[in-house]
Amino acid sequence: MDTIYTDEKDERFLKLVSELDNEYYERIGDELSKYDSYNEFKDSHVVILAFDNDIEVACASYRIFDNESVEFKRVYVRKEYRKRGISYNLILQLEKSAIKSGFRHSYIVTGKNNQPARKLYEKLNYELIDNFGQFKDDDTVICMKKNLNRKNS
């Protein structure tokens, strides 16, 4: 599996993000629309894409959260490529990129009932924290944080 770094304007990334959104809307429904503005690409993102031959099969990205932190967003693997460790490896690669850029922490927001995502982030040593920002009173999501200086298990 090959990977490349790109940005939030890459059409291949946007295609995968569209698939991710469609999957979420099928599972969750119109309630998901309350997050549309949060998921817009107003800020620049560091994006990593995974390819099987020349076909894009997975993506992950981060945006700058504050001077010391990034937020991982839009982590997605096409169904037929899941359970192969692709998202785990993409996040590890992005974490290394964030560390090289001087960031010390990373955040992730995911659905409270999204068990595959929760297990992935726990495996990557993310810890539950109090919900922040627009998610403060939202009991359908969880927020997680990781100290990027800590080694992965």
N, C-alpha and C. Protein backbone atom coordinates (compact mmCIF):
# COMPACT_ATOMS: atom_id res chain seq x y z
N MET A 1 0.85 -1.17 0.00
CA MET A 1 0.00 0.00 0.00
C MET A 1 0.89 1.24 0.00
N ASP A 2 0.71 2.08 -0.99
CA ASP A 2 1.47 3.32 -1.10
C ASP A 2 0.70 4.46 -0.47
N THR A 3 1.42 5.45 0.05
CA THR A 3 0.78 6.65 0.61
C THR A 3 1.44 7.89 0.02
N ILE A 4 0.66 8.95 -0.05
CA ILE A 4 1.20 10.25 -0.43
C ILE A 4 0.59 11.32 0.47
N TYR A 5 1.35 12.39 0.65
CA TYR A 5 0.84 13.56 1.36
C TYR A 5 0.30 14.54 0.33
N THR A 6 -0.79 15.18 0.70
CA THR A 6 -1.39 16.18 -0.17
C THR A 6 -2.11 17.19 0.73
N ASP A 7 -3.13 17.87 0.20
CA ASP A 7 -3.88 18.82 1.01
C ASP A 7 -5.38 18.63 0.82
N GLU A 8 -6.14 19.47 1.48
CA GLU A 8 -7.60 19.34 1.50
C GLU A 8 -8.26 19.64 0.16
N LYS A 9 -7.52 20.15 -0.79
CA LYS A 9 -8.09 20.47 -2.11
C LYS A 9 -7.97 19.32 -3.10
N ASP A 10 -7.26 18.29 -2.74
CA ASP A 10 -7.03 17.16 -3.64
C ASP A 10 -8.35 16.45 -3.95
N GLU A 11 -8.67 16.33 -5.22
CA GLU A 11 -9.93 15.73 -5.65
C GLU A 11 -10.09 14.29 -5.17
N ARG A 12 -8.99 13.55 -5.07
CA ARG A 12 -9.07 12.17 -4.59
C ARG A 12 -9.48 12.13 -3.12
N PHE A 13 -8.96 13.06 -2.34
CA PHE A 13 -9.33 13.18 -0.94
C PHE A 13 -10.81 13.57 -0.82
N LEU A 14 -11.22 14.55 -1.59
CA LEU A 14 -12.60 15.00 -1.53
C LEU A 14 -13.58 13.90 -1.93
N LYS A 15 -13.18 13.05 -2.86
CA LYS A 15 -14.01 11.91 -3.26
C LYS A 15 -14.18 10.95 -2.08
N LEU A 16 -13.09 10.64 -1.38
CA LEU A 16 -13.17 9.76 -0.22
C LEU A 16 -13.99 10.39 0.90
N VAL A 17 -13.84 11.69 1.12
CA VAL A 17 -14.61 12.39 2.15
C VAL A 17 -16.10 12.33 1.82
N SER A 18 -16.44 12.46 0.56
CA SER A 18 -17.83 12.35 0.14
C SER A 18 -18.38 10.96 0.45
N GLU A 19 -17.59 9.92 0.20
CA GLU A 19 -18.00 8.55 0.54
C GLU A 19 -18.20 8.41 2.05
N LEU A 20 -17.29 8.98 2.83
CA LEU A 20 -17.39 8.95 4.29
C LEU A 20 -18.68 9.62 4.74
N ASP A 21 -18.94 10.81 4.22
CA ASP A 21 -20.16 11.53 4.61
C ASP A 21 -21.41 10.74 4.24
N ASN A 22 -21.42 10.16 3.05
CA ASN A 22 -22.58 9.37 2.62
C ASN A 22 -22.81 8.18 3.55
N GLU A 23 -21.73 7.54 3.94
CA GLU A 23 -21.83 6.40 4.85
C GLU A 23 -22.40 6.82 6.20
N TYR A 24 -21.91 7.97 6.72
CA TYR A 24 -22.42 8.48 7.99
C TYR A 24 -23.90 8.84 7.88
N TYR A 25 -24.28 9.51 6.79
CA TYR A 25 -25.69 9.89 6.63
C TYR A 25 -26.59 8.66 6.53
N GLU A 26 -26.12 7.61 5.88
CA GLU A 26 -26.91 6.37 5.81
C GLU A 26 -27.10 5.77 7.19
N ARG A 27 -26.06 5.83 8.02
CA ARG A 27 -26.10 5.22 9.34
C ARG A 27 -26.80 6.09 10.37
N ILE A 28 -26.56 7.40 10.32
CA ILE A 28 -27.02 8.29 11.38
C ILE A 28 -28.24 9.12 10.96
N GLY A 29 -28.31 9.49 9.70
CA GLY A 29 -29.43 10.29 9.22
C GLY A 29 -29.16 11.78 9.24
N ASP A 30 -30.22 12.53 9.09
CA ASP A 30 -30.10 13.99 8.93
C ASP A 30 -29.58 14.70 10.16
N GLU A 31 -29.61 14.05 11.32
CA GLU A 31 -29.06 14.67 12.54
C GLU A 31 -27.59 15.05 12.32
N LEU A 32 -26.94 14.32 11.44
CA LEU A 32 -25.53 14.57 11.15
C LEU A 32 -25.29 15.95 10.55
N SER A 33 -26.30 16.55 9.95
CA SER A 33 -26.13 17.85 9.30
C SER A 33 -25.68 18.94 10.27
N LYS A 34 -25.90 18.75 11.57
CA LYS A 34 -25.46 19.76 12.54
C LYS A 34 -23.94 19.89 12.58
N TYR A 35 -23.22 18.91 11.99
CA TYR A 35 -21.75 18.97 11.97
C TYR A 35 -21.20 19.45 10.63
N ASP A 36 -22.06 19.76 9.68
CA ASP A 36 -21.60 20.14 8.34
C ASP A 36 -20.59 21.28 8.37
N SER A 37 -20.90 22.36 9.10
CA SER A 37 -19.98 23.50 9.11
C SER A 37 -18.66 23.14 9.79
N TYR A 38 -18.71 22.25 10.79
CA TYR A 38 -17.48 21.83 11.48
C TYR A 38 -16.57 21.03 10.54
N ASN A 39 -17.18 20.31 9.62
CA ASN A 39 -16.40 19.46 8.72
C ASN A 39 -16.01 20.14 7.41
N GLU A 40 -16.35 21.41 7.25
CA GLU A 40 -15.91 22.14 6.07
C GLU A 40 -14.41 22.36 6.15
N PHE A 41 -13.79 22.52 5.00
CA PHE A 41 -12.35 22.74 4.96
C PHE A 41 -12.04 24.23 4.88
N LYS A 42 -12.31 24.93 6.00
CA LYS A 42 -12.02 26.36 6.08
C LYS A 42 -10.53 26.60 6.32
N ASP A 43 -9.91 25.68 7.03
CA ASP A 43 -8.49 25.76 7.34
C ASP A 43 -7.73 24.76 6.48
N SER A 44 -6.44 25.02 6.31
CA SER A 44 -5.66 24.04 5.56
C SER A 44 -5.47 22.77 6.38
N HIS A 45 -5.37 21.65 5.68
CA HIS A 45 -5.19 20.35 6.29
C HIS A 45 -3.98 19.65 5.67
N VAL A 46 -3.29 18.90 6.51
CA VAL A 46 -2.29 17.97 6.01
C VAL A 46 -3.05 16.68 5.78
N VAL A 47 -2.98 16.16 4.56
CA VAL A 47 -3.77 15.00 4.17
C VAL A 47 -2.83 13.88 3.74
N ILE A 48 -3.18 12.66 4.12
CA ILE A 48 -2.47 11.49 3.63
C ILE A 48 -3.49 10.57 2.96
N LEU A 49 -3.11 10.08 1.80
CA LEU A 49 -3.95 9.16 1.04
C LEU A 49 -3.23 7.83 0.91
N ALA A 50 -4.00 6.74 0.99
CA ALA A 50 -3.46 5.40 0.76
C ALA A 50 -4.02 4.88 -0.56
N PHE A 51 -3.16 4.18 -1.31
CA PHE A 51 -3.53 3.67 -2.63
C PHE A 51 -3.28 2.17 -2.71
N ASP A 52 -4.19 1.50 -3.40
CA ASP A 52 -3.99 0.12 -3.82
C ASP A 52 -3.79 0.21 -5.32
N ASN A 53 -2.58 -0.02 -5.77
CA ASN A 53 -2.18 0.30 -7.14
C ASN A 53 -2.42 1.80 -7.33
N ASP A 54 -3.23 2.22 -8.26
CA ASP A 54 -3.45 3.65 -8.46
C ASP A 54 -4.82 4.11 -7.98
N ILE A 55 -5.47 3.29 -7.17
CA ILE A 55 -6.81 3.61 -6.69
C ILE A 55 -6.73 4.08 -5.24
N GLU A 56 -7.31 5.26 -4.97
CA GLU A 56 -7.33 5.76 -3.59
C GLU A 56 -8.30 4.93 -2.78
N VAL A 57 -7.84 4.46 -1.62
CA VAL A 57 -8.67 3.57 -0.80
C VAL A 57 -8.87 4.07 0.63
N ALA A 58 -8.08 5.05 1.06
CA ALA A 58 -8.20 5.52 2.44
C ALA A 58 -7.60 6.92 2.55
N CYS A 59 -8.03 7.62 3.60
CA CYS A 59 -7.50 8.96 3.84
C CYS A 59 -7.54 9.27 5.33
N ALA A 60 -6.78 10.27 5.69
CA ALA A 60 -6.81 10.86 7.03
C ALA A 60 -6.19 12.24 6.90
N SER A 61 -6.54 13.12 7.82
CA SER A 61 -5.99 14.47 7.75
C SER A 61 -5.88 15.07 9.14
N TYR A 62 -5.16 16.16 9.21
CA TYR A 62 -5.20 16.97 10.43
C TYR A 62 -5.15 18.44 10.06
N ARG A 63 -5.71 19.21 10.99
CA ARG A 63 -5.65 20.67 10.88
C ARG A 63 -5.03 21.18 12.16
N ILE A 64 -4.48 22.38 12.11
CA ILE A 64 -3.92 22.98 13.32
C ILE A 64 -5.07 23.34 14.25
N PHE A 65 -4.96 22.89 15.49
CA PHE A 65 -5.97 23.14 16.51
C PHE A 65 -5.59 24.37 17.33
N ASP A 66 -4.34 24.41 17.78
CA ASP A 66 -3.78 25.58 18.46
C ASP A 66 -2.26 25.52 18.29
N ASN A 67 -1.52 26.37 18.96
CA ASN A 67 -0.06 26.45 18.75
C ASN A 67 0.68 25.14 19.05
N GLU A 68 0.11 24.30 19.90
CA GLU A 68 0.79 23.06 20.28
C GLU A 68 0.07 21.80 19.81
N SER A 69 -1.08 21.97 19.16
CA SER A 69 -1.93 20.80 18.91
C SER A 69 -2.51 20.77 17.50
N VAL A 70 -2.80 19.54 17.07
CA VAL A 70 -3.51 19.32 15.82
C VAL A 70 -4.78 18.53 16.14
N GLU A 71 -5.71 18.56 15.19
CA GLU A 71 -6.92 17.75 15.31
C GLU A 71 -7.00 16.85 14.09
N PHE A 72 -7.11 15.55 14.34
CA PHE A 72 -7.25 14.59 13.26
C PHE A 72 -8.70 14.58 12.81
N LYS A 73 -8.87 14.55 11.50
CA LYS A 73 -10.21 14.59 10.92
C LYS A 73 -10.28 13.72 9.68
N ARG A 74 -11.49 13.37 9.32
CA ARG A 74 -11.79 12.71 8.06
C ARG A 74 -10.97 11.45 7.83
N VAL A 75 -10.93 10.59 8.85
CA VAL A 75 -10.25 9.30 8.76
C VAL A 75 -11.24 8.32 8.14
N TYR A 76 -10.85 7.73 7.02
CA TYR A 76 -11.79 6.88 6.29
C TYR A 76 -11.04 5.82 5.48
N VAL A 77 -11.60 4.60 5.51
CA VAL A 77 -11.09 3.50 4.70
C VAL A 77 -12.30 2.89 3.99
N ARG A 78 -12.19 2.69 2.70
CA ARG A 78 -13.28 2.04 1.95
C ARG A 78 -13.56 0.67 2.56
N LYS A 79 -14.83 0.26 2.56
CA LYS A 79 -15.27 -0.96 3.24
C LYS A 79 -14.44 -2.18 2.89
N GLU A 80 -14.16 -2.37 1.62
CA GLU A 80 -13.45 -3.58 1.20
C GLU A 80 -11.99 -3.61 1.65
N TYR A 81 -11.48 -2.51 2.21
CA TYR A 81 -10.09 -2.45 2.67
C TYR A 81 -9.97 -2.36 4.19
N ARG A 82 -11.08 -2.44 4.88
CA ARG A 82 -11.05 -2.33 6.34
C ARG A 82 -10.48 -3.57 7.00
N LYS A 83 -10.10 -3.39 8.26
CA LYS A 83 -9.55 -4.46 9.10
C LYS A 83 -8.19 -4.93 8.59
N ARG A 84 -7.44 -4.02 7.99
CA ARG A 84 -6.08 -4.32 7.52
C ARG A 84 -5.04 -3.41 8.17
N GLY A 85 -5.47 -2.59 9.12
CA GLY A 85 -4.53 -1.70 9.80
C GLY A 85 -4.20 -0.43 9.03
N ILE A 86 -4.95 -0.13 8.00
CA ILE A 86 -4.64 1.03 7.16
C ILE A 86 -4.83 2.33 7.92
N SER A 87 -5.97 2.51 8.57
CA SER A 87 -6.21 3.77 9.29
C SER A 87 -5.21 3.93 10.43
N TYR A 88 -4.88 2.85 11.10
CA TYR A 88 -3.88 2.88 12.18
C TYR A 88 -2.56 3.43 11.64
N ASN A 89 -2.12 2.90 10.52
CA ASN A 89 -0.85 3.34 9.94
C ASN A 89 -0.91 4.77 9.40
N LEU A 90 -2.04 5.16 8.84
CA LEU A 90 -2.17 6.54 8.36
C LEU A 90 -2.07 7.52 9.51
N ILE A 91 -2.74 7.22 10.62
CA ILE A 91 -2.67 8.12 11.77
C ILE A 91 -1.26 8.17 12.33
N LEU A 92 -0.59 7.02 12.43
CA LEU A 92 0.80 7.03 12.90
C LEU A 92 1.68 7.91 12.02
N GLN A 93 1.51 7.82 10.71
CA GLN A 93 2.30 8.65 9.81
C GLN A 93 1.98 10.13 10.01
N LEU A 94 0.71 10.46 10.16
CA LEU A 94 0.34 11.85 10.40
C LEU A 94 0.85 12.36 11.74
N GLU A 95 0.84 11.50 12.75
CA GLU A 95 1.40 11.90 14.05
C GLU A 95 2.87 12.24 13.91
N LYS A 96 3.62 11.43 13.17
CA LYS A 96 5.04 11.73 12.95
C LYS A 96 5.22 13.06 12.25
N SER A 97 4.37 13.34 11.28
CA SER A 97 4.42 14.62 10.57
C SER A 97 4.13 15.78 11.53
N ALA A 98 3.14 15.60 12.39
CA ALA A 98 2.80 16.65 13.35
C ALA A 98 3.95 16.89 14.33
N ILE A 99 4.57 15.82 14.79
CA ILE A 99 5.71 15.94 15.71
C ILE A 99 6.85 16.70 15.03
N LYS A 100 7.15 16.35 13.78
CA LYS A 100 8.21 17.05 13.03
C LYS A 100 7.91 18.54 12.87
N SER A 101 6.62 18.87 12.83
CA SER A 101 6.21 20.26 12.69
C SER A 101 6.14 20.97 14.04
N GLY A 102 6.50 20.28 15.12
CA GLY A 102 6.58 20.90 16.44
C GLY A 102 5.33 20.79 17.30
N PHE A 103 4.35 20.02 16.88
CA PHE A 103 3.13 19.88 17.68
C PHE A 103 3.32 18.83 18.76
N ARG A 104 2.67 19.06 19.90
CA ARG A 104 2.86 18.18 21.06
C ARG A 104 1.63 17.34 21.41
N HIS A 105 0.47 17.74 20.91
CA HIS A 105 -0.77 17.05 21.25
C HIS A 105 -1.63 16.87 20.01
N SER A 106 -2.49 15.87 20.06
CA SER A 106 -3.47 15.73 18.99
C SER A 106 -4.83 15.41 19.60
N TYR A 107 -5.86 15.86 18.92
CA TYR A 107 -7.23 15.65 19.34
C TYR A 107 -7.99 14.89 18.26
N ILE A 108 -9.02 14.19 18.69
CA ILE A 108 -9.92 13.50 17.77
C ILE A 108 -11.33 13.62 18.36
N VAL A 109 -12.29 13.90 17.50
CA VAL A 109 -13.70 13.88 17.87
C VAL A 109 -14.35 12.78 17.05
N THR A 110 -15.10 11.91 17.71
CA THR A 110 -15.78 10.84 16.99
C THR A 110 -17.12 10.55 17.65
N GLY A 111 -17.94 9.80 16.96
CA GLY A 111 -19.25 9.44 17.49
C GLY A 111 -19.13 8.58 18.73
N LYS A 112 -19.93 8.86 19.71
CA LYS A 112 -19.92 8.11 20.97
C LYS A 112 -20.15 6.62 20.73
N ASN A 113 -20.98 6.30 19.75
CA ASN A 113 -21.31 4.90 19.48
C ASN A 113 -20.51 4.31 18.33
N ASN A 114 -19.52 5.01 17.85
CA ASN A 114 -18.69 4.51 16.75
C ASN A 114 -17.59 3.63 17.35
N GLN A 115 -17.96 2.40 17.69
CA GLN A 115 -17.04 1.49 18.38
C GLN A 115 -15.76 1.19 17.60
N PRO A 116 -15.82 0.96 16.28
CA PRO A 116 -14.55 0.71 15.57
C PRO A 116 -13.57 1.88 15.70
N ALA A 117 -14.07 3.11 15.60
CA ALA A 117 -13.20 4.28 15.73
C ALA A 117 -12.66 4.39 17.15
N ARG A 118 -13.51 4.21 18.13
CA ARG A 118 -13.07 4.29 19.52
C ARG A 118 -11.97 3.27 19.81
N LYS A 119 -12.14 2.03 19.33
CA LYS A 119 -11.12 1.00 19.55
C LYS A 119 -9.81 1.38 18.87
N LEU A 120 -9.91 1.91 17.66
CA LEU A 120 -8.71 2.34 16.94
C LEU A 120 -7.97 3.41 17.74
N TYR A 121 -8.68 4.44 18.19
CA TYR A 121 -8.01 5.55 18.88
C TYR A 121 -7.48 5.11 20.24
N GLU A 122 -8.18 4.22 20.91
CA GLU A 122 -7.65 3.70 22.18
C GLU A 122 -6.38 2.89 21.93
N LYS A 123 -6.35 2.11 20.86
CA LYS A 123 -5.15 1.35 20.51
C LYS A 123 -3.97 2.28 20.22
N LEU A 124 -4.28 3.49 19.72
CA LEU A 124 -3.25 4.49 19.43
C LEU A 124 -2.94 5.37 20.64
N ASN A 125 -3.48 5.00 21.82
CA ASN A 125 -3.22 5.68 23.09
C ASN A 125 -3.91 7.03 23.24
N TYR A 126 -5.04 7.21 22.57
CA TYR A 126 -5.85 8.40 22.80
C TYR A 126 -6.68 8.17 24.04
N GLU A 127 -6.88 9.24 24.81
CA GLU A 127 -7.64 9.15 26.06
C GLU A 127 -8.83 10.07 26.00
N LEU A 128 -9.93 9.61 26.60
CA LEU A 128 -11.13 10.43 26.67
C LEU A 128 -10.86 11.70 27.46
N ILE A 129 -11.39 12.80 26.98
CA ILE A 129 -11.31 14.09 27.69
C ILE A 129 -12.71 14.69 27.68
N ASP A 130 -12.90 15.76 28.43
CA ASP A 130 -14.18 16.46 28.40
C ASP A 130 -14.39 17.01 26.99
N ASN A 131 -15.62 16.96 26.54
CA ASN A 131 -15.94 17.54 25.24
C ASN A 131 -15.64 19.03 25.25
N PHE A 132 -15.17 19.53 24.13
CA PHE A 132 -14.76 20.94 24.03
C PHE A 132 -15.51 21.62 22.89
N GLY A 133 -15.39 22.96 22.87
CA GLY A 133 -15.94 23.75 21.78
C GLY A 133 -17.41 23.46 21.55
N GLN A 134 -17.79 23.34 20.29
CA GLN A 134 -19.20 23.14 19.95
C GLN A 134 -19.73 21.79 20.45
N PHE A 135 -18.84 20.91 20.90
CA PHE A 135 -19.24 19.58 21.35
C PHE A 135 -19.48 19.51 22.86
N LYS A 136 -19.27 20.63 23.56
CA LYS A 136 -19.33 20.65 25.02
C LYS A 136 -20.60 19.99 25.59
N ASP A 137 -21.74 20.29 25.02
CA ASP A 137 -23.00 19.74 25.53
C ASP A 137 -23.60 18.69 24.58
N ASP A 138 -22.77 18.12 23.73
CA ASP A 138 -23.22 17.15 22.74
C ASP A 138 -22.92 15.75 23.25
N ASP A 139 -23.94 15.02 23.64
CA ASP A 139 -23.71 13.68 24.19
C ASP A 139 -23.67 12.59 23.12
N THR A 140 -23.64 12.98 21.84
CA THR A 140 -23.55 11.97 20.77
C THR A 140 -22.11 11.78 20.30
N VAL A 141 -21.19 12.62 20.81
CA VAL A 141 -19.79 12.50 20.41
C VAL A 141 -18.90 12.42 21.64
N ILE A 142 -17.67 11.97 21.41
CA ILE A 142 -16.64 11.99 22.45
C ILE A 142 -15.43 12.71 21.89
N CYS A 143 -14.66 13.31 22.77
CA CYS A 143 -13.41 13.95 22.41
C CYS A 143 -12.28 13.17 23.06
N MET A 144 -11.18 13.04 22.32
CA MET A 144 -10.03 12.29 22.81
C MET A 144 -8.77 13.11 22.54
N LYS A 145 -7.74 12.84 23.35
CA LYS A 145 -6.49 13.58 23.23
C LYS A 145 -5.32 12.63 23.41
N LYS A 146 -4.22 12.99 22.78
CA LYS A 146 -2.99 12.22 22.93
C LYS A 146 -1.81 13.16 23.04
N ASN A 147 -0.91 12.83 23.95
CA ASN A 147 0.37 13.52 24.05
C ASN A 147 1.28 12.88 23.01
N LEU A 148 1.67 13.62 21.99
CA LEU A 148 2.44 13.04 20.89
C LEU A 148 3.86 12.67 21.28
N ASN A 149 4.32 13.13 22.42
CA ASN A 149 5.68 12.78 22.86
C ASN A 149 5.73 11.40 23.50
N ARG A 150 4.54 10.86 23.84
CA ARG A 150 4.48 9.53 24.46
C ARG A 150 4.59 8.47 23.37
N LYS A 151 5.34 7.45 23.62
CA LYS A 151 5.52 6.36 22.65
C LYS A 151 4.24 5.53 22.55
N ASN A 152 3.98 5.02 21.34
CA ASN A 152 2.87 4.08 21.15
C ASN A 152 3.25 2.74 21.73
N SER A 153 2.26 2.01 22.22
CA SER A 153 2.50 0.68 22.77
C SER A 153 2.73 -0.32 21.67
